[in-house]
Structure formats: C-alpha cells, structure tokens
Amino acid sequence: MEKDHWKGRGAQLQTGNRFSSQHLVTEHSEGLDEELILSPKTNIRLEHPKTIINPVKSPDIGLSFSLNPYQGCEHGCSYCYARNSHEYYGFSAGLDFETQLMAKPDAPRLLEKQILSSNWKVAPISLSGNTDCYQPIEKKMGITRQLLEVFARYRHPVGIITKNSLIERDIDILQDLAKEDLVQVYISITSLNEELRRKMEPRTASASKRLQIIEKLSNVGVPVAVMNAPIIPGLNDQEIPE
C-alpha cells in the first residue's frame, strides 16, 4: 500500500530511470501477489572511487574543481539539480535520491594523494558541487571534517556550499584556513518562510539557524556569503530584497 504523503521527504514517488529497460510500477495493483509497501528508510552504501577531484568544465560556473564526499542527499530538496545524477548509479531521481545514499570514506586519502601529486596545480576545490557535504550522515561519518583537515595540513584553498548548521562543528578548522584566506563559505538560504522551507527543503536547518551560522562564521573571521538560489517565480522571488 502506498501512502499519500511521506513526511520529511521532498520527493513523494519513485520516478523512472531513463537508463533502465525495466521499471517497477503500481498502476495495476490487481497484478501484485502482495501489497506493495514503499519504505523511504535511509540506506547508506560505501563507494570506493579511484579519484575524488572532479574538473568543472562548464564555462558559466566560477570554479575549477569540485569534490563530493557523498552521492545522494538526505536533505531532500524538491528542486535539487543533482537528482538526475542518481540515475547513473541505477537509482531513481525521486525517493531514491534522498534515501539511497553513497558515502566515500576514502575521500580524504585520495585528496591527499592528489595534492601531493607532481602533476597537481593548486586551484580552489569546492565542497561539494553536487550534494551537500554537511547533510545529516556527515554527523556520523565525519568525512567532510577529515577533508578539511587535509586542506588545512597542506594549506590548500577550499570553498564550501551548505544549508546545514553542522558546519558550526568545524569552525576551528575554518578559522585556521581563514587566517591565510584559504576558505570561502556560502550558506544557501532559499526562503525565510518556514512553511515554504519545510516543503522545499524538508531535512535542512531552519532559515533562522542559517542566519545564526552566518553571524557566527563572520564573527570569527571566516569569509561567508549567502547563496540565494533557486529563485522560483511565485514562491520565493518576492523575498529577494529582504
């Protein structure tokens, strides 16, 4: 039996995967031997890539490299552009994107290996670029903090985009990097309307909490700015001036 609404999830269904030749559908319940129960429980898989730094080739994005410690994102933002990337792993861009997550525990080692390579030319690396490096599972796995420790050890520039207050945990490392102008943090604020925020970004920090994080980072000398996107006509465009 399918529920009418999955609380705390941005997606409410499993969209089809364009790369799959077969799909699980529920239109013909009379053909099912038992009730179909879709459980949006979060599952974490470990991924072990050979490299961790991704070159950004798009000419309209002002960064050279990105690094994603996680694939999929439990924040569940309904508008997330990264959803479609989950299909490359055989998952759905719908509920799978926010429930079937992949973590890369080797990311800190691979980052250090790349930085120490004789072929590496220093350029800022963005955390993350695809999904939030401070999404809820970071509290348990700590991969982002380990990455920041590598950046600090080798005095390497890094940028961060997040909408989670967990970044406050790592203020000590961010302060250290900021002393040499090696870090820039962007806090994503889509709306100050909490009812709208809960619908669009169900598992993220409240807007007021994000404003507090901006204040805290600024007060300790960490360069921080607001990422005001996406702008959705009829939903949050009127909030831009405020």
Protein backbone atom coordinates (compact mmCIF):
# COMPACT_ATOMS: atom_id res chain seq x y z
CA MET A 1 0.00 0.00 0.00
CA GLU A 2 1.35 3.42 -0.93
CA LYS A 3 0.97 6.31 1.49
CA ASP A 4 -0.50 9.61 0.35
CA HIS A 5 2.41 11.57 1.82
CA TRP A 6 5.87 10.71 3.10
CA LYS A 7 6.60 13.20 5.88
CA GLY A 8 10.07 14.73 5.77
CA ARG A 9 10.71 13.79 2.14
CA GLY A 10 10.97 16.21 -0.74
CA ALA A 11 10.05 13.58 -3.32
CA GLN A 12 6.81 11.64 -2.91
CA LEU A 13 7.34 8.97 -5.55
CA GLN A 14 9.90 6.95 -7.44
CA THR A 15 10.44 8.47 -10.84
CA GLY A 16 11.53 6.21 -13.70
CA ASN A 17 15.19 5.77 -14.53
CA ARG A 18 15.85 6.69 -18.16
CA PHE A 19 18.74 4.21 -18.32
CA SER A 20 16.73 1.19 -17.08
CA SER A 21 14.97 -1.13 -19.51
CA GLN A 22 12.53 -2.33 -16.85
CA HIS A 23 10.56 -0.37 -14.26
CA LEU A 24 8.58 -1.20 -11.14
CA VAL A 25 5.11 0.32 -11.48
CA THR A 26 1.99 0.36 -9.31
CA GLU A 27 -0.71 1.19 -11.84
CA HIS A 28 -2.04 -2.38 -11.95
CA SER A 29 -2.46 -3.44 -8.32
CA GLU A 30 -4.50 -6.48 -9.37
CA GLY A 31 -1.31 -8.00 -10.78
CA LEU A 32 0.54 -7.88 -7.44
CA ASP A 33 0.70 -11.01 -5.29
CA GLU A 34 1.04 -8.93 -2.13
CA GLU A 35 0.67 -5.31 -1.07
CA LEU A 36 3.45 -3.07 -2.33
CA ILE A 37 4.99 -1.14 0.54
CA LEU A 38 7.39 1.66 -0.36
CA SER A 39 9.59 2.41 2.62
CA PRO A 40 11.59 5.63 2.41
CA LYS A 41 14.09 4.43 5.02
CA THR A 42 17.58 5.84 4.52
CA ASN A 43 20.25 3.35 3.46
CA ILE A 44 23.97 4.12 3.18
CA ARG A 45 26.34 2.36 0.79
CA LEU A 46 30.11 2.76 0.73
CA GLU A 47 31.71 3.77 -2.56
CA HIS A 48 35.43 3.44 -3.30
CA PRO A 49 36.34 5.58 -6.34
CA LYS A 50 39.85 5.73 -7.78
CA THR A 51 39.88 9.54 -7.82
CA ILE A 52 37.93 12.12 -5.87
CA ILE A 53 38.50 15.52 -7.53
CA ASN A 54 36.27 16.44 -10.46
CA PRO A 55 37.22 19.09 -13.03
CA VAL A 56 34.42 21.58 -13.70
CA LYS A 57 34.34 22.33 -17.40
CA SER A 58 31.17 24.42 -17.60
CA PRO A 59 32.15 27.97 -18.68
CA ASP A 60 29.34 29.63 -16.70
CA ILE A 61 30.36 28.24 -13.30
CA GLY A 62 33.09 30.12 -11.50
CA LEU A 63 35.07 27.22 -10.10
CA SER A 64 37.66 24.80 -11.42
CA PHE A 65 37.23 21.65 -9.32
CA SER A 66 34.64 20.01 -7.08
CA LEU A 67 34.76 17.17 -4.56
CA ASN A 68 31.73 15.20 -3.40
CA PRO A 69 32.16 13.03 -0.28
CA TYR A 70 28.56 11.85 -0.67
CA GLN A 71 26.19 10.98 -3.53
CA GLY A 72 22.51 11.43 -2.97
CA CYS A 73 21.34 13.81 -0.26
CA GLU A 74 19.01 13.29 2.69
CA HIS A 75 18.11 16.99 2.74
CA GLY A 76 15.56 16.02 0.09
CA CYS A 77 15.27 19.44 -1.58
CA SER A 78 12.49 19.08 -4.12
CA TYR A 79 14.21 21.35 -6.66
CA CYS A 80 17.71 19.82 -6.47
CA TYR A 81 19.51 19.73 -9.82
CA ALA A 82 21.62 16.79 -8.62
CA ARG A 83 18.68 14.39 -8.51
CA ASN A 84 19.13 13.24 -12.11
CA SER A 85 22.75 12.26 -11.43
CA HIS A 86 21.44 9.44 -9.20
CA GLU A 87 20.15 7.65 -12.28
CA TYR A 88 23.74 6.94 -13.35
CA TYR A 89 24.00 4.67 -10.30
CA GLY A 90 20.85 2.77 -11.23
CA PHE A 91 18.61 4.63 -8.77
CA SER A 92 15.61 6.90 -9.10
CA ALA A 93 15.84 10.68 -9.02
CA GLY A 94 12.80 10.59 -6.73
CA LEU A 95 12.79 8.96 -3.30
CA ASP A 96 15.97 7.00 -4.05
CA PHE A 97 17.97 10.24 -4.28
CA GLU A 98 17.25 11.10 -0.66
CA THR A 99 17.13 7.55 0.78
CA GLN A 100 19.74 5.52 -1.13
CA LEU A 101 22.92 7.38 -0.23
CA MET A 102 26.55 6.67 -1.06
CA ALA A 103 29.48 7.71 1.12
CA LYS A 104 33.15 7.82 0.09
CA PRO A 105 35.28 7.04 3.17
CA ASP A 106 38.48 7.05 1.08
CA ALA A 107 37.95 10.67 0.03
CA PRO A 108 40.49 12.22 2.47
CA ARG A 109 43.23 9.78 1.42
CA LEU A 110 42.51 10.35 -2.26
CA LEU A 111 42.54 14.13 -1.77
CA GLU A 112 45.93 13.98 -0.06
CA LYS A 113 47.28 11.75 -2.83
CA GLN A 114 46.14 14.24 -5.48
CA ILE A 115 47.54 17.27 -3.64
CA LEU A 116 50.92 15.54 -3.31
CA SER A 117 51.00 14.56 -6.99
CA SER A 118 53.68 16.32 -9.01
CA ASN A 119 51.06 17.00 -11.69
CA TRP A 120 48.69 18.86 -9.40
CA LYS A 121 48.42 22.61 -9.92
CA VAL A 122 46.88 24.31 -6.94
CA ALA A 123 43.38 25.68 -7.54
CA PRO A 124 40.37 26.09 -5.21
CA ILE A 125 38.28 22.95 -4.75
CA SER A 126 34.57 23.25 -3.97
CA LEU A 127 32.82 21.07 -1.39
CA SER A 128 30.57 19.75 -2.79
CA GLY A 129 29.10 20.89 -6.08
CA ASN A 130 26.60 18.06 -6.41
CA THR A 131 25.18 17.26 -2.96
CA ASP A 132 25.62 18.86 0.46
CA CYS A 133 28.85 17.89 2.23
CA TYR A 134 27.15 18.61 5.58
CA GLN A 135 24.00 16.56 5.03
CA PRO A 136 22.80 14.55 8.09
CA ILE A 137 25.03 11.48 7.58
CA GLU A 138 28.13 13.69 7.92
CA LYS A 139 27.43 13.90 11.65
CA LYS A 140 28.02 10.15 11.87
CA MET A 141 30.71 9.65 9.21
CA GLY A 142 32.80 12.82 9.52
CA ILE A 143 34.25 12.61 6.00
CA THR A 144 33.92 16.35 5.38
CA ARG A 145 35.82 17.20 8.55
CA GLN A 146 38.60 14.80 7.55
CA LEU A 147 38.77 16.52 4.16
CA LEU A 148 39.07 19.92 5.82
CA GLU A 149 41.91 18.57 7.95
CA VAL A 150 43.75 17.62 4.75
CA PHE A 151 43.14 21.07 3.23
CA ALA A 152 44.47 22.69 6.41
CA ARG A 153 47.50 20.42 6.61
CA TYR A 154 48.65 21.36 3.12
CA ARG A 155 47.35 24.97 3.20
CA HIS A 156 45.17 24.33 0.17
CA PRO A 157 42.26 26.64 -0.83
CA VAL A 158 38.72 25.27 -0.49
CA GLY A 159 35.18 26.55 -0.93
CA ILE A 160 32.06 25.24 0.80
CA ILE A 161 28.36 25.45 -0.06
CA THR A 162 25.90 24.14 2.53
CA LYS A 163 22.48 24.64 4.08
CA ASN A 164 23.16 22.64 7.22
CA SER A 165 24.15 24.08 10.61
CA LEU A 166 26.54 21.16 11.17
CA ILE A 167 29.27 23.32 9.64
CA GLU A 168 29.45 25.04 13.04
CA ARG A 169 31.22 21.91 14.33
CA ASP A 170 34.23 22.67 12.12
CA ILE A 171 34.69 26.35 12.94
CA ASP A 172 38.13 25.59 14.42
CA ILE A 173 39.48 24.35 11.07
CA LEU A 174 37.68 27.05 9.09
CA GLN A 175 39.24 29.72 11.32
CA ASP A 176 42.69 28.23 10.71
CA LEU A 177 42.19 28.27 6.94
CA ALA A 178 40.73 31.78 7.03
CA LYS A 179 43.93 33.16 8.58
CA GLU A 180 45.58 32.75 5.16
CA ASP A 181 42.49 33.47 3.08
CA LEU A 182 42.19 29.80 2.10
CA VAL A 183 38.44 29.30 2.59
CA GLN A 184 35.14 30.78 1.44
CA VAL A 185 31.79 29.58 2.80
CA TYR A 186 28.40 30.05 1.16
CA ILE A 187 25.26 29.38 3.18
CA SER A 188 22.27 28.59 0.97
CA ILE A 189 19.11 30.45 2.01
CA THR A 190 16.17 29.84 -0.29
CA SER A 191 13.37 31.31 1.82
CA LEU A 192 12.72 32.92 5.20
CA ASN A 193 9.21 31.48 5.09
CA GLU A 194 9.44 28.37 7.28
CA GLU A 195 6.30 26.75 5.90
CA LEU A 196 7.73 27.01 2.39
CA ARG A 197 11.20 25.95 3.53
CA ARG A 198 9.84 22.77 5.14
CA LYS A 199 8.09 21.82 1.91
CA MET A 200 11.00 22.56 -0.43
CA GLU A 201 13.87 21.52 1.87
CA PRO A 202 12.35 19.14 4.45
CA ARG A 203 15.50 17.96 6.22
CA THR A 204 17.56 21.14 6.34
CA ALA A 205 18.31 23.68 9.03
CA SER A 206 15.74 26.45 9.52
CA ALA A 207 16.39 29.80 7.86
CA SER A 208 16.87 31.46 11.25
CA LYS A 209 19.50 28.85 12.18
CA ARG A 210 21.34 29.50 8.91
CA LEU A 211 21.38 33.23 9.63
CA GLN A 212 22.88 32.46 13.05
CA ILE A 213 25.60 30.36 11.40
CA ILE A 214 26.43 33.22 9.03
CA GLU A 215 26.77 35.54 12.02
CA LYS A 216 28.98 33.08 13.92
CA LEU A 217 31.29 32.46 10.97
CA SER A 218 31.57 36.18 10.26
CA ASN A 219 32.33 36.98 13.91
CA VAL A 220 35.31 34.62 13.96
CA GLY A 221 36.75 35.89 10.69
CA VAL A 222 35.60 33.18 8.27
CA PRO A 223 34.57 34.70 4.89
CA VAL A 224 30.90 33.85 4.43
CA ALA A 225 28.18 34.82 1.97
CA VAL A 226 24.58 33.93 1.11
CA MET A 227 23.72 31.65 -1.81
CA ASN A 228 20.23 32.82 -2.74
CA ALA A 229 19.09 30.13 -5.16
CA PRO A 230 16.96 28.87 -6.70
CA ILE A 231 14.70 31.83 -7.34
CA ILE A 232 11.26 30.38 -8.11
CA PRO A 233 8.69 32.81 -9.55
CA GLY A 234 5.54 32.85 -7.45
CA LEU A 235 7.16 31.09 -4.49
CA ASN A 236 10.19 32.98 -3.22
CA ASP A 237 11.09 35.66 -5.77
CA GLN A 238 9.37 38.35 -3.69
CA GLU A 239 11.78 37.63 -0.80
CA ILE A 240 14.95 38.71 -2.65
CA PRO A 241 15.03 42.34 -1.38
CA GLU A 242 14.64 41.26 2.23
